[in-house]
Amino acid sequence: MDRRAATALLSAHDLDGVQRDIDHALSRRITLPPRSVINTGTDVMVQHLRTFMNHLNGQDSTTAESVDVHNLLRAAERNLDVPVRPTPQTSHRDAYVYWHTITTLTTALRDLYLTHHNGQEHPA
């Protein structure tokens, strides 16, 4: 994803879309959704996660905050590694758990992004 596309995602309108995707992924369910919903939701969340990683990677901040950002980015990178990602052979439940994990990481990075940009105008 190029820098311009990543920046465009962070408009107020698109941040609302990210929140809708997070809410969808973390909503309580009686049964697991179809695998196609899990796979699509995972792909969407991975895109959001990569966008926030791109924005937060290398930002100047206080030392303690930098350590937190660094650790979160490392956790995200580990979860995006190919051996960790679900395959068609991965169980339905494990793919669902992975979707939740990626969503939780996305939420944390989104919150850090918002903290870093608190009070600043978001791109249109």
Protein backbone atom coordinates (compact mmCIF):
# COMPACT_ATOMS: atom_id res chain seq x y z
CA MET A 1 0.00 0.00 0.00
CA ASP A 2 1.47 3.37 -0.94
CA ARG A 3 1.68 6.27 1.53
CA ARG A 4 -1.13 8.23 -0.16
CA ALA A 5 -3.56 5.31 0.08
CA ALA A 6 -2.63 4.74 3.73
CA THR A 7 -3.20 8.41 4.55
CA ALA A 8 -6.55 8.43 2.76
CA LEU A 9 -7.77 5.59 4.99
CA LEU A 10 -7.33 7.76 8.06
CA SER A 11 -10.00 10.33 7.21
CA ALA A 12 -12.80 10.71 9.78
CA HIS A 13 -15.18 8.88 7.43
CA ASP A 14 -12.80 5.96 7.00
CA LEU A 15 -12.02 5.77 10.71
CA ASP A 16 -15.77 5.25 11.17
CA GLY A 17 -15.54 2.40 8.66
CA VAL A 18 -12.65 0.87 10.59
CA GLN A 19 -14.77 1.05 13.75
CA ARG A 20 -17.68 -0.69 11.98
CA ASP A 21 -15.31 -3.46 10.84
CA ILE A 22 -13.98 -3.81 14.40
CA ASP A 23 -17.51 -3.94 15.82
CA HIS A 24 -18.48 -6.59 13.26
CA ALA A 25 -15.48 -8.75 14.07
CA LEU A 26 -15.89 -8.52 17.84
CA SER A 27 -19.70 -8.79 17.98
CA ARG A 28 -21.09 -11.55 20.16
CA ARG A 29 -22.41 -14.52 18.24
CA ILE A 30 -24.24 -17.65 19.23
CA THR A 31 -22.54 -19.65 16.48
CA LEU A 32 -19.48 -19.07 14.35
CA PRO A 33 -20.13 -17.16 11.12
CA PRO A 34 -19.51 -18.93 7.82
CA ARG A 35 -15.85 -19.37 6.93
CA SER A 36 -16.27 -16.96 4.00
CA VAL A 37 -17.28 -14.19 6.44
CA ILE A 38 -14.29 -14.98 8.67
CA ASN A 39 -11.89 -14.97 5.71
CA THR A 40 -13.27 -11.71 4.29
CA GLY A 41 -13.28 -10.07 7.72
CA THR A 42 -9.70 -11.19 8.30
CA ASP A 43 -8.56 -9.77 4.96
CA VAL A 44 -10.22 -6.42 5.69
CA MET A 45 -8.76 -6.27 9.19
CA VAL A 46 -5.26 -7.13 7.92
CA GLN A 47 -5.51 -4.15 5.55
CA HIS A 48 -6.50 -1.86 8.43
CA LEU A 49 -3.73 -3.28 10.61
CA ARG A 50 -1.08 -2.73 7.94
CA THR A 51 -2.26 0.86 7.45
CA PHE A 52 -1.95 1.68 11.15
CA MET A 53 1.42 -0.10 11.28
CA ASN A 54 2.60 2.06 8.37
CA HIS A 55 1.59 5.25 10.16
CA LEU A 56 3.00 4.34 13.54
CA ASN A 57 6.25 2.74 12.41
CA GLY A 58 9.09 5.13 13.12
CA GLN A 59 7.03 7.96 14.61
CA ASP A 60 8.74 10.19 17.13
CA SER A 61 7.25 9.90 20.60
CA THR A 62 8.21 9.67 24.24
CA THR A 63 10.47 6.78 25.25
CA ALA A 64 7.84 4.79 27.16
CA GLU A 65 5.33 5.27 24.38
CA SER A 66 7.93 4.25 21.79
CA VAL A 67 8.52 0.98 23.62
CA ASP A 68 4.77 0.30 23.67
CA VAL A 69 4.43 1.11 19.97
CA HIS A 70 7.49 -1.00 19.14
CA ASN A 71 6.16 -4.00 21.10
CA LEU A 72 2.72 -3.70 19.53
CA LEU A 73 4.21 -3.45 16.05
CA ARG A 74 6.33 -6.55 16.70
CA ALA A 75 3.24 -8.46 17.90
CA ALA A 76 1.37 -7.39 14.77
CA GLU A 77 4.25 -8.45 12.51
CA ARG A 78 4.42 -11.86 14.20
CA ASN A 79 0.69 -12.38 13.67
CA LEU A 80 0.93 -11.38 10.03
CA ASP A 81 3.69 -13.92 9.35
CA VAL A 82 2.67 -16.57 6.85
CA PRO A 83 3.11 -19.55 9.25
CA VAL A 84 0.63 -17.99 11.68
CA ARG A 85 -2.04 -17.01 9.15
CA PRO A 86 -4.95 -19.40 8.59
CA THR A 87 -4.96 -21.59 5.51
CA PRO A 88 -7.87 -23.51 3.99
CA GLN A 89 -6.79 -26.44 6.20
CA THR A 90 -7.01 -24.35 9.40
CA SER A 91 -10.00 -25.23 11.54
CA HIS A 92 -13.01 -22.95 11.41
CA ARG A 93 -12.59 -22.07 15.12
CA ASP A 94 -8.86 -21.29 14.77
CA ALA A 95 -9.55 -19.01 11.78
CA TYR A 96 -12.18 -17.20 13.88
CA VAL A 97 -9.73 -16.77 16.77
CA TYR A 98 -7.12 -15.39 14.36
CA TRP A 99 -9.68 -12.85 13.06
CA HIS A 100 -10.27 -11.73 16.65
CA THR A 101 -6.54 -11.51 17.34
CA ILE A 102 -5.91 -9.35 14.27
CA THR A 103 -8.90 -7.19 15.23
CA THR A 104 -7.59 -6.70 18.77
CA LEU A 105 -4.19 -5.65 17.41
CA THR A 106 -5.84 -3.30 14.92
CA THR A 107 -7.88 -1.73 17.71
CA ALA A 108 -4.77 -1.16 19.83
CA LEU A 109 -2.83 0.40 16.94
CA ARG A 110 -5.83 2.51 15.95
CA ASP A 111 -6.06 3.80 19.54
CA LEU A 112 -2.34 4.65 19.52
CA TYR A 113 -2.74 6.41 16.19
CA LEU A 114 -5.63 8.47 17.58
CA THR A 115 -3.60 9.30 20.69
CA HIS A 116 -0.69 10.51 18.55
CA HIS A 117 -3.00 12.61 16.38
CA ASN A 118 -5.38 13.87 19.09
CA GLY A 119 -6.71 17.30 18.13
CA GLN A 120 -5.12 17.29 14.68
CA GLU A 121 -7.09 17.51 11.50
CA HIS A 122 -7.47 14.20 9.72
CA PRO A 123 -6.93 14.16 5.96
CA ALA A 124 -10.06 14.54 3.85
